[in-house]
C-alpha atoms as a PDB file:
ATOM      1  CA  UNK A   1      46.307  82.396  -9.802  1.00  0.00           C
ATOM      2  CA  UNK A   2      45.733  86.105 -11.289  1.00  0.00           C
ATOM      3  CA  UNK A   3      46.457  84.613 -14.710  1.00  0.00           C
ATOM      4  CA  UNK A   4      43.785  81.713 -14.055  1.00  0.00           C
ATOM      5  CA  UNK A   5      41.152  84.433 -12.787  1.00  0.00           C
ATOM      6  CA  UNK A   6      41.820  86.833 -15.554  1.00  0.00           C
ATOM      7  CA  UNK A   7      41.975  84.418 -18.595  1.00  0.00           C
ATOM      8  CA  UNK A   8      40.100  81.195 -16.880  1.00  0.00           C
ATOM      9  CA  UNK A   9      43.135  79.157 -17.665  1.00  0.00           C
ATOM     10  CA  UNK A  10      47.057  79.608 -17.063  1.00  0.00           C
ATOM     11  CA  UNK A  11      48.626  80.970 -20.447  1.00  0.00           C
ATOM     12  CA  UNK A  12      52.037  79.427 -21.134  1.00  0.00           C
ATOM     13  CA  UNK A  13      54.823  79.871 -20.062  1.00  0.00           C
ATOM     14  CA  UNK A  14      53.320  79.868 -16.646  1.00  0.00           C
ATOM     15  CA  UNK A  15      51.347  77.061 -14.808  1.00  0.00           C
ATOM     16  CA  UNK A  16      49.426  76.912 -11.856  1.00  0.00           C
ATOM     17  CA  UNK A  17      52.499  75.781 -10.041  1.00  0.00           C
ATOM     18  CA  UNK A  18      55.060  78.377  -9.001  1.00  0.00           C
ATOM     19  CA  UNK A  19      58.176  76.755 -10.135  1.00  0.00           C
ATOM     20  CA  UNK A  20      56.916  74.717 -13.177  1.00  0.00           C
ATOM     21  CA  UNK A  21      56.898  76.315 -16.762  1.00  0.00           C
ATOM     22  CA  UNK A  22      54.824  75.233 -19.735  1.00  0.00           C
ATOM     23  CA  UNK A  23      56.509  74.871 -23.261  1.00  0.00           C
ATOM     24  CA  UNK A  24      55.468  77.397 -25.738  1.00  0.00           C
ATOM     25  CA  UNK A  25      53.114  76.440 -28.235  1.00  0.00           C
ATOM     26  CA  UNK A  26      54.806  74.408 -31.143  1.00  0.00           C
ATOM     27  CA  UNK A  27      57.869  73.592 -29.305  1.00  0.00           C
ATOM     28  CA  UNK A  28      59.638  70.739 -28.011  1.00  0.00           C
ATOM     29  CA  UNK A  29      62.192  70.443 -25.039  1.00  0.00           C
ATOM     30  CA  UNK A  30      65.328  68.034 -25.389  1.00  0.00           C
ATOM     31  CA  UNK A  31      67.660  67.155 -22.477  1.00  0.00           C
ATOM     32  CA  UNK A  32      71.109  66.043 -23.585  1.00  0.00           C
ATOM     33  CA  UNK A  33      74.360  65.439 -21.711  1.00  0.00           C
ATOM     34  CA  UNK A  34      72.777  67.362 -18.660  1.00  0.00           C
ATOM     35  CA  UNK A  35      71.629  70.566 -21.049  1.00  0.00           C
ATOM     36  CA  UNK A  36      68.156  71.644 -21.901  1.00  0.00           C
ATOM     37  CA  UNK A  37      67.120  72.892 -25.259  1.00  0.00           C
ATOM     38  CA  UNK A  38      63.717  74.344 -25.918  1.00  0.00           C
ATOM     39  CA  UNK A  39      63.313  75.085 -29.794  1.00  0.00           C
ATOM     40  CA  UNK A  40      60.483  75.282 -32.387  1.00  0.00           C
ATOM     41  CA  UNK A  41      59.303  72.249 -34.102  1.00  0.00           C
ATOM     42  CA  UNK A  42      56.572  74.221 -36.030  1.00  0.00           C
ATOM     43  CA  UNK A  43      56.151  77.824 -37.032  1.00  0.00           C
ATOM     44  CA  UNK A  44      53.223  79.600 -38.742  1.00  0.00           C
ATOM     45  CA  UNK A  45      53.712  82.272 -41.151  1.00  0.00           C
ATOM     46  CA  UNK A  46      50.850  84.751 -40.793  1.00  0.00           C
ATOM     47  CA  UNK A  47      52.245  87.308 -43.471  1.00  0.00           C
ATOM     48  CA  UNK A  48      49.353  87.559 -46.062  1.00  0.00           C
ATOM     49  CA  UNK A  49      50.171  86.221 -49.586  1.00  0.00           C
ATOM     50  CA  UNK A  50      49.604  89.206 -52.030  1.00  0.00           C
ATOM     51  CA  UNK A  51      50.273  87.204 -55.078  1.00  0.00           C
ATOM     52  CA  UNK A  52      46.969  85.580 -54.683  1.00  0.00           C
ATOM     53  CA  UNK A  53      43.486  86.841 -55.040  1.00  0.00           C
ATOM     54  CA  UNK A  54      40.550  86.373 -52.472  1.00  0.00           C
ATOM     55  CA  UNK A  55      38.869  83.356 -54.604  1.00  0.00           C
ATOM     56  CA  UNK A  56      42.552  81.424 -54.883  1.00  0.00           C
ATOM     57  CA  UNK A  57      42.797  82.176 -50.826  1.00  0.00           C
ATOM     58  CA  UNK A  58      39.393  80.573 -50.363  1.00  0.00           C
ATOM     59  CA  UNK A  59      40.308  77.738 -52.626  1.00  0.00           C
ATOM     60  CA  UNK A  60      43.478  76.960 -50.725  1.00  0.00           C
ATOM     61  CA  UNK A  61      41.931  77.188 -47.563  1.00  0.00           C
ATOM     62  CA  UNK A  62      39.371  74.671 -48.479  1.00  0.00           C
ATOM     63  CA  UNK A  63      42.036  72.374 -49.967  1.00  0.00           C
ATOM     64  CA  UNK A  64      44.119  72.474 -46.768  1.00  0.00           C
ATOM     65  CA  UNK A  65      40.897  71.795 -44.663  1.00  0.00           C
ATOM     66  CA  UNK A  66      39.971  68.949 -46.769  1.00  0.00           C
ATOM     67  CA  UNK A  67      43.634  67.530 -46.825  1.00  0.00           C
ATOM     68  CA  UNK A  68      43.901  67.738 -42.965  1.00  0.00           C
ATOM     69  CA  UNK A  69      40.556  66.170 -42.082  1.00  0.00           C
ATOM     70  CA  UNK A  70      41.057  63.535 -44.419  1.00  0.00           C
ATOM     71  CA  UNK A  71      44.511  62.503 -42.809  1.00  0.00           C
ATOM     72  CA  UNK A  72      42.804  62.454 -39.501  1.00  0.00           C
ATOM     73  CA  UNK A  73      40.222  59.911 -40.790  1.00  0.00           C
ATOM     74  CA  UNK A  74      42.926  56.921 -41.236  1.00  0.00           C
ATOM     75  CA  UNK A  75      41.662  54.322 -38.539  1.00  0.00           C
ATOM     76  CA  UNK A  76      41.190  50.679 -37.740  1.00  0.00           C
ATOM     77  CA  UNK A  77      38.080  51.555 -36.024  1.00  0.00           C
ATOM     78  CA  UNK A  78      34.919  53.664 -36.980  1.00  0.00           C
ATOM     79  CA  UNK A  79      35.381  56.973 -36.437  1.00  0.00           C
ATOM     80  CA  UNK A  80      32.717  60.083 -35.567  1.00  0.00           C
ATOM     81  CA  UNK A  81      32.790  63.848 -35.349  1.00  0.00           C
ATOM     82  CA  UNK A  82      31.888  65.712 -31.997  1.00  0.00           C
ATOM     83  CA  UNK A  83      29.251  67.890 -33.728  1.00  0.00           C
ATOM     84  CA  UNK A  84      28.287  71.170 -31.549  1.00  0.00           C
ATOM     85  CA  UNK A  85      26.589  72.873 -34.310  1.00  0.00           C
ATOM     86  CA  UNK A  86      29.149  75.667 -34.677  1.00  0.00           C
ATOM     87  CA  UNK A  87      31.103  76.827 -37.412  1.00  0.00           C
ATOM     88  CA  UNK A  88      34.468  74.693 -36.276  1.00  0.00           C
ATOM     89  CA  UNK A  89      32.798  71.197 -35.984  1.00  0.00           C
ATOM     90  CA  UNK A  90      30.248  71.790 -38.642  1.00  0.00           C
ATOM     91  CA  UNK A  91      33.446  72.343 -41.079  1.00  0.00           C
ATOM     92  CA  UNK A  92      35.249  69.338 -39.698  1.00  0.00           C
ATOM     93  CA  UNK A  93      31.986  67.246 -40.172  1.00  0.00           C
ATOM     94  CA  UNK A  94      31.489  68.609 -43.754  1.00  0.00           C
ATOM     95  CA  UNK A  95      34.813  67.496 -44.945  1.00  0.00           C
ATOM     96  CA  UNK A  96      34.859  64.177 -42.894  1.00  0.00           C
ATOM     97  CA  UNK A  97      31.575  63.435 -44.618  1.00  0.00           C
ATOM     98  CA  UNK A  98      33.140  63.587 -48.073  1.00  0.00           C
ATOM     99  CA  UNK A  99      35.832  60.842 -47.000  1.00  0.00           C
ATOM    100  CA  UNK A 100      34.032  58.493 -44.715  1.00  0.00           C
ATOM    101  CA  UNK A 101      32.844  55.269 -46.467  1.00  0.00           C
ATOM    102  CA  UNK A 102      28.920  55.186 -45.594  1.00  0.00           C
ATOM    103  CA  UNK A 103      27.360  57.530 -43.230  1.00  0.00           C
ATOM    104  CA  UNK A 104      29.672  59.650 -40.867  1.00  0.00           C
ATOM    105  CA  UNK A 105      28.547  59.074 -37.429  1.00  0.00           C
ATOM    106  CA  UNK A 106      28.138  62.541 -35.562  1.00  0.00           C
ATOM    107  CA  UNK A 107      27.519  63.065 -31.615  1.00  0.00           C
ATOM    108  CA  UNK A 108      26.037  66.185 -29.744  1.00  0.00           C
ATOM    109  CA  UNK A 109      25.717  66.619 -26.200  1.00  0.00           C
ATOM    110  CA  UNK A 110      22.804  68.978 -25.366  1.00  0.00           C
ATOM    111  CA  UNK A 111      21.745  70.634 -22.301  1.00  0.00           C
ATOM    112  CA  UNK A 112      18.483  70.576 -20.105  1.00  0.00           C
ATOM    113  CA  UNK A 113      18.893  74.501 -20.033  1.00  0.00           C
ATOM    114  CA  UNK A 114      17.705  75.863 -23.375  1.00  0.00           C
ATOM    115  CA  UNK A 115      20.280  78.804 -23.086  1.00  0.00           C
ATOM    116  CA  UNK A 116      23.152  76.664 -23.286  1.00  0.00           C
ATOM    117  CA  UNK A 117      21.568  73.879 -25.703  1.00  0.00           C
ATOM    118  CA  UNK A 118      23.027  74.102 -29.222  1.00  0.00           C
ATOM    119  CA  UNK A 119      21.728  70.514 -30.102  1.00  0.00           C
ATOM    120  CA  UNK A 120      19.167  72.107 -32.653  1.00  0.00           C
ATOM    121  CA  UNK A 121      21.881  73.655 -34.590  1.00  0.00           C
ATOM    122  CA  UNK A 122      23.917  70.428 -34.793  1.00  0.00           C
ATOM    123  CA  UNK A 123      20.976  68.428 -35.733  1.00  0.00           C
ATOM    124  CA  UNK A 124      20.461  70.911 -38.912  1.00  0.00           C
ATOM    125  CA  UNK A 125      24.050  70.481 -39.790  1.00  0.00           C
ATOM    126  CA  UNK A 126      23.921  66.394 -39.213  1.00  0.00           C
ATOM    127  CA  UNK A 127      20.413  66.553 -41.239  1.00  0.00           C
ATOM    128  CA  UNK A 128      22.091  68.645 -44.205  1.00  0.00           C
ATOM    129  CA  UNK A 129      25.137  66.703 -44.128  1.00  0.00           C
ATOM    130  CA  UNK A 130      23.099  62.905 -44.047  1.00  0.00           C
ATOM    131  CA  UNK A 131      25.168  61.835 -40.963  1.00  0.00           C
ATOM    132  CA  UNK A 132      24.165  59.042 -38.627  1.00  0.00           C
ATOM    133  CA  UNK A 133      23.375  61.454 -35.698  1.00  0.00           C
ATOM    134  CA  UNK A 134      23.315  60.711 -32.049  1.00  0.00           C
ATOM    135  CA  UNK A 135      22.378  63.103 -29.079  1.00  0.00           C
ATOM    136  CA  UNK A 136      22.580  62.909 -25.342  1.00  0.00           C
ATOM    137  CA  UNK A 137      21.513  65.501 -22.784  1.00  0.00           C
ATOM    138  CA  UNK A 138      23.323  66.690 -19.981  1.00  0.00           C
ATOM    139  CA  UNK A 139      21.501  66.800 -16.959  1.00  0.00           C
ATOM    140  CA  UNK A 140      22.071  68.499 -13.801  1.00  0.00           C
ATOM    141  CA  UNK A 141      22.946  65.388 -11.664  1.00  0.00           C
ATOM    142  CA  UNK A 142      25.485  64.313 -14.282  1.00  0.00           C
ATOM    143  CA  UNK A 143      26.965  67.570 -14.914  1.00  0.00           C
ATOM    144  CA  UNK A 144      27.442  67.916 -10.792  1.00  0.00           C
ATOM    145  CA  UNK A 145      29.176  64.450 -10.516  1.00  0.00           C
ATOM    146  CA  UNK A 146      31.370  65.371 -13.414  1.00  0.00           C
ATOM    147  CA  UNK A 147      32.200  68.878 -11.769  1.00  0.00           C
ATOM    148  CA  UNK A 148      33.465  67.044  -8.661  1.00  0.00           C
ATOM    149  CA  UNK A 149      35.574  64.950 -10.427  1.00  0.00           C
ATOM    150  CA  UNK A 150      37.427  67.540 -12.688  1.00  0.00           C
ATOM    151  CA  UNK A 151      40.203  68.242 -10.378  1.00  0.00           C
ATOM    152  CA  UNK A 152      41.409  64.574 -10.963  1.00  0.00           C
ATOM    153  CA  UNK A 153      40.872  64.797 -14.775  1.00  0.00           C
ATOM    154  CA  UNK A 154      42.754  68.090 -15.485  1.00  0.00           C
ATOM    155  CA  UNK A 155      46.407  68.951 -15.053  1.00  0.00           C
ATOM    156  CA  UNK A 156      45.488  72.352 -14.001  1.00  0.00           C
ATOM    157  CA  UNK A 157      42.236  74.627 -13.749  1.00  0.00           C
ATOM    158  CA  UNK A 158      40.387  75.433 -16.743  1.00  0.00           C
ATOM    159  CA  UNK A 159      37.337  77.754 -16.617  1.00  0.00           C
ATOM    160  CA  UNK A 160      36.159  76.542 -19.937  1.00  0.00           C
ATOM    161  CA  UNK A 161      32.806  75.117 -19.547  1.00  0.00           C
ATOM    162  CA  UNK A 162      32.944  73.353 -22.899  1.00  0.00           C
ATOM    163  CA  UNK A 163      35.195  70.656 -21.182  1.00  0.00           C
ATOM    164  CA  UNK A 164      31.989  69.360 -19.410  1.00  0.00           C
ATOM    165  CA  UNK A 165      30.198  68.117 -22.583  1.00  0.00           C
ATOM    166  CA  UNK A 166      33.669  67.109 -24.147  1.00  0.00           C
ATOM    167  CA  UNK A 167      34.463  64.660 -21.246  1.00  0.00           C
ATOM    168  CA  UNK A 168      30.774  63.616 -21.223  1.00  0.00           C
ATOM    169  CA  UNK A 169      31.300  62.630 -24.977  1.00  0.00           C
ATOM    170  CA  UNK A 170      34.213  60.429 -23.945  1.00  0.00           C
ATOM    171  CA  UNK A 171      31.980  58.405 -21.620  1.00  0.00           C
ATOM    172  CA  UNK A 172      28.807  58.630 -23.941  1.00  0.00           C
ATOM    173  CA  UNK A 173      27.601  55.165 -24.640  1.00  0.00           C
ATOM    174  CA  UNK A 174      26.591  56.263 -28.251  1.00  0.00           C
ATOM    175  CA  UNK A 175      30.315  57.110 -29.111  1.00  0.00           C
ATOM    176  CA  UNK A 176      31.304  53.479 -28.251  1.00  0.00           C
END
């Protein structure tokens, strides 16, 4: 409980349950012949590459992002991007728009309370990218109903308020 109160989630390897542990990020667990083995399946090398300059680093990042987004766009059904108007979702939308045949669909959940509402930012990004943009506003009644259901939807407590519009976007009529 102290981890949750300090971080608004329970970081690995702890969990909200005393005798249950989480796997570290990028690891898997195998159970063979009564033996448990936890090992990494993926590692990130965070050492800077001193052999390239800033312009080359930018181009490598741009290329890696373009390839990563492109690979996620393989689907038998139409795809869209959840667009908050922030840097992350705007970047994904920009790369996705380059690879989608036709206009990319983007979706935003706005808030009645202007201090939480970023839909104007998302609208500007959608306009700049020429996407087929859809918005819904999260009203207080819908938010309250969703908050009451969260314990049934999550594996353990999570204090990130962005999960409310994320769950709402899954149920959104516009995204179907």
